[in-house]
Structures are given as structure tokens and as C-alpha cells.
Amino acid sequence: MSSAAFSPDGTRIVTASWDATARIWNAAAGKELAVLRGHDGGVLSAAFSPDGTRIVTASVDKTARIWDVHVATMMAGELVTESCSRRLHGITTLSRDEMRLAGYPDDVREIEVCAE
């Protein structure tokens, strides 16, 4: 681990790691809530926004990423329900990042989430 930071309300912790991930933890229970994947190199630092709704990460891959904490910590069923309820311009499939957040393996190409 290369850094750690508390959320503004003290209920969560975000950690940055050399394995190219950041992780969100429940501060009281020490339970992992989500793994943030997307960097191509070790994550040097991670921090919550002042309102606690976003996380910013910085990596040795020379990128910074902004993550939505609500989406990152959603269970797969909640993510699918929210994706379907949004129906933005007819989008009915999860993006690769959303599929990773929902826990689907990388070899799953596409999922029709709003099929009736």
C-alpha cells in the first residue's frame, strides 16, 4: 500500500496500492467495499472529495482518475437496476468498467441488462 485516506465523514477509507488498484474500506469493520481498477501502473495516492462522493487516484502510469463512490460500492443487482432506470439514449448494456464493478469476469463481452 502506498497511501490511505479517510472519507470526510470518517466511515470509509481509500487505499492506494502498487498492484494498480485503489480500494474502498468500511472504516469501522475493516471490510473491503470495492476495488477500483483501471490504472496501468501502481497507484501512488488516493483521496476523497470534500463531500465524499468522489475519489481521485494518481498513478505511476501518469494518469489521474476520478471515481464515483456510489457506483463503485453498488452491488451488482443495484448497478443493473440503476443502469436500466437511466435508459440514456437507449443504452441497455453495461460498459466494461461497469461490468468490472459488478464483478463480471473480463471474458464476458457484453450483457443485455434491460432485457424484458
Protein backbone atom coordinates (compact mmCIF):
# COMPACT_ATOMS: atom_id res chain seq x y z
CA MET A 1 0.00 0.00 0.00
CA SER A 2 1.31 3.44 -0.87
CA SER A 3 -1.25 5.70 0.84
CA ALA A 4 -4.54 5.79 2.76
CA ALA A 5 -7.13 8.47 3.48
CA PHE A 6 -10.38 8.71 5.46
CA SER A 7 -13.62 9.91 3.90
CA PRO A 8 -14.83 13.28 5.22
CA ASP A 9 -17.40 11.58 7.47
CA GLY A 10 -14.87 9.02 8.73
CA THR A 11 -16.90 5.97 7.71
CA ARG A 12 -14.72 4.81 4.82
CA ILE A 13 -11.03 4.60 3.95
CA VAL A 14 -9.48 4.62 0.50
CA THR A 15 -6.11 2.97 -0.02
CA ALA A 16 -3.72 3.22 -2.97
CA SER A 17 -1.59 0.24 -3.92
CA TRP A 18 1.31 -0.78 -6.11
CA ASP A 19 -0.89 -3.54 -7.63
CA ALA A 20 -2.52 -0.81 -9.82
CA THR A 21 -5.68 -0.66 -7.69
CA ALA A 22 -7.29 1.54 -5.09
CA ARG A 23 -9.65 0.02 -2.55
CA ILE A 24 -12.53 1.40 -0.52
CA TRP A 25 -12.93 0.04 3.02
CA ASN A 26 -15.53 0.28 5.75
CA ALA A 27 -13.55 2.06 8.47
CA ALA A 28 -15.40 0.53 11.43
CA ALA A 29 -15.48 -3.07 10.23
CA GLY A 30 -12.28 -3.12 8.16
CA LYS A 31 -14.30 -4.76 5.37
CA GLU A 32 -13.37 -4.15 1.73
CA LEU A 33 -16.26 -2.45 -0.10
CA ALA A 34 -14.84 -2.05 -3.61
CA VAL A 35 -11.72 -2.41 -5.75
CA LEU A 36 -11.06 0.42 -8.21
CA ARG A 37 -9.32 -0.99 -11.30
CA GLY A 38 -8.25 0.92 -14.37
CA HIS A 39 -4.73 2.20 -13.91
CA ASP A 40 -1.87 0.58 -15.85
CA GLY A 41 0.65 1.06 -13.05
CA GLY A 42 0.92 1.36 -9.30
CA VAL A 43 -1.42 3.84 -7.64
CA LEU A 44 0.60 6.40 -5.70
CA SER A 45 -2.19 8.20 -3.90
CA ALA A 46 -5.96 8.30 -3.44
CA ALA A 47 -8.21 10.81 -1.71
CA PHE A 48 -11.90 11.54 -1.20
CA SER A 49 -13.50 14.75 -2.46
CA PRO A 50 -14.61 17.16 0.30
CA ASP A 51 -18.22 15.93 0.02
CA GLY A 52 -17.17 12.24 -0.01
CA THR A 53 -18.91 11.40 -3.29
CA ARG A 54 -15.80 11.06 -5.46
CA ILE A 55 -12.32 9.58 -5.17
CA VAL A 56 -9.33 10.79 -7.12
CA THR A 57 -6.38 8.47 -7.75
CA ALA A 58 -2.93 9.22 -9.19
CA SER A 59 -0.73 6.57 -10.73
CA VAL A 60 2.79 5.95 -11.98
CA ASP A 61 1.13 5.44 -15.38
CA LYS A 62 0.98 9.28 -15.45
CA THR A 63 -2.80 9.45 -15.17
CA ALA A 64 -5.30 10.58 -12.58
CA ARG A 65 -8.78 9.14 -12.40
CA ILE A 66 -11.96 10.31 -10.73
CA TRP A 67 -14.28 7.61 -9.38
CA ASP A 68 -17.93 7.84 -8.32
CA VAL A 69 -18.05 6.30 -4.83
CA HIS A 70 -21.77 5.45 -5.10
CA VAL A 71 -21.31 3.44 -8.33
CA ALA A 72 -18.07 1.84 -7.13
CA THR A 73 -19.70 0.43 -4.00
CA MET A 74 -23.01 -0.73 -5.53
CA MET A 75 -23.92 -4.40 -5.53
CA ALA A 76 -24.36 -5.99 -8.97
CA GLY A 77 -28.16 -6.03 -8.75
CA GLU A 78 -28.32 -2.36 -7.77
CA LEU A 79 -25.97 -1.45 -10.63
CA VAL A 80 -28.14 -3.27 -13.17
CA THR A 81 -31.33 -1.68 -11.82
CA GLU A 82 -29.82 1.80 -11.98
CA SER A 83 -28.47 1.21 -15.49
CA CYS A 84 -31.92 0.16 -16.70
CA SER A 85 -33.74 3.01 -14.99
CA ARG A 86 -31.45 5.59 -16.60
CA ARG A 87 -32.02 4.31 -20.17
CA LEU A 88 -29.79 7.05 -21.53
CA HIS A 89 -30.36 7.26 -25.29
CA GLY A 90 -31.34 3.59 -25.47
CA ILE A 91 -28.22 2.26 -23.79
CA THR A 92 -29.10 -1.17 -22.46
CA THR A 93 -25.71 -2.77 -21.87
CA LEU A 94 -23.13 -2.30 -19.14
CA SER A 95 -19.81 -0.72 -20.06
CA ARG A 96 -16.66 -2.80 -19.48
CA ASP A 97 -15.93 -0.67 -16.36
CA GLU A 98 -19.46 -1.15 -15.03
CA MET A 99 -19.17 -4.90 -15.67
CA ARG A 100 -15.91 -5.00 -13.69
CA LEU A 101 -17.55 -3.07 -10.84
CA ALA A 102 -20.43 -5.54 -10.90
CA GLY A 103 -17.97 -8.42 -10.62
CA TYR A 104 -18.32 -9.96 -14.08
CA PRO A 105 -15.18 -11.70 -15.44
CA ASP A 106 -13.17 -9.94 -18.16
CA ASP A 107 -14.00 -12.66 -20.71
CA VAL A 108 -17.72 -11.71 -20.66
CA ARG A 109 -18.04 -9.50 -23.72
CA GLU A 110 -21.45 -7.91 -23.23
CA ILE A 111 -24.53 -8.29 -21.07
CA GLU A 112 -28.03 -7.24 -22.05
CA VAL A 113 -29.10 -5.82 -18.71
CA CYS A 114 -32.53 -4.47 -19.50
CA ALA A 115 -33.99 -7.37 -21.50
CA GLU A 116 -37.64 -7.84 -20.71
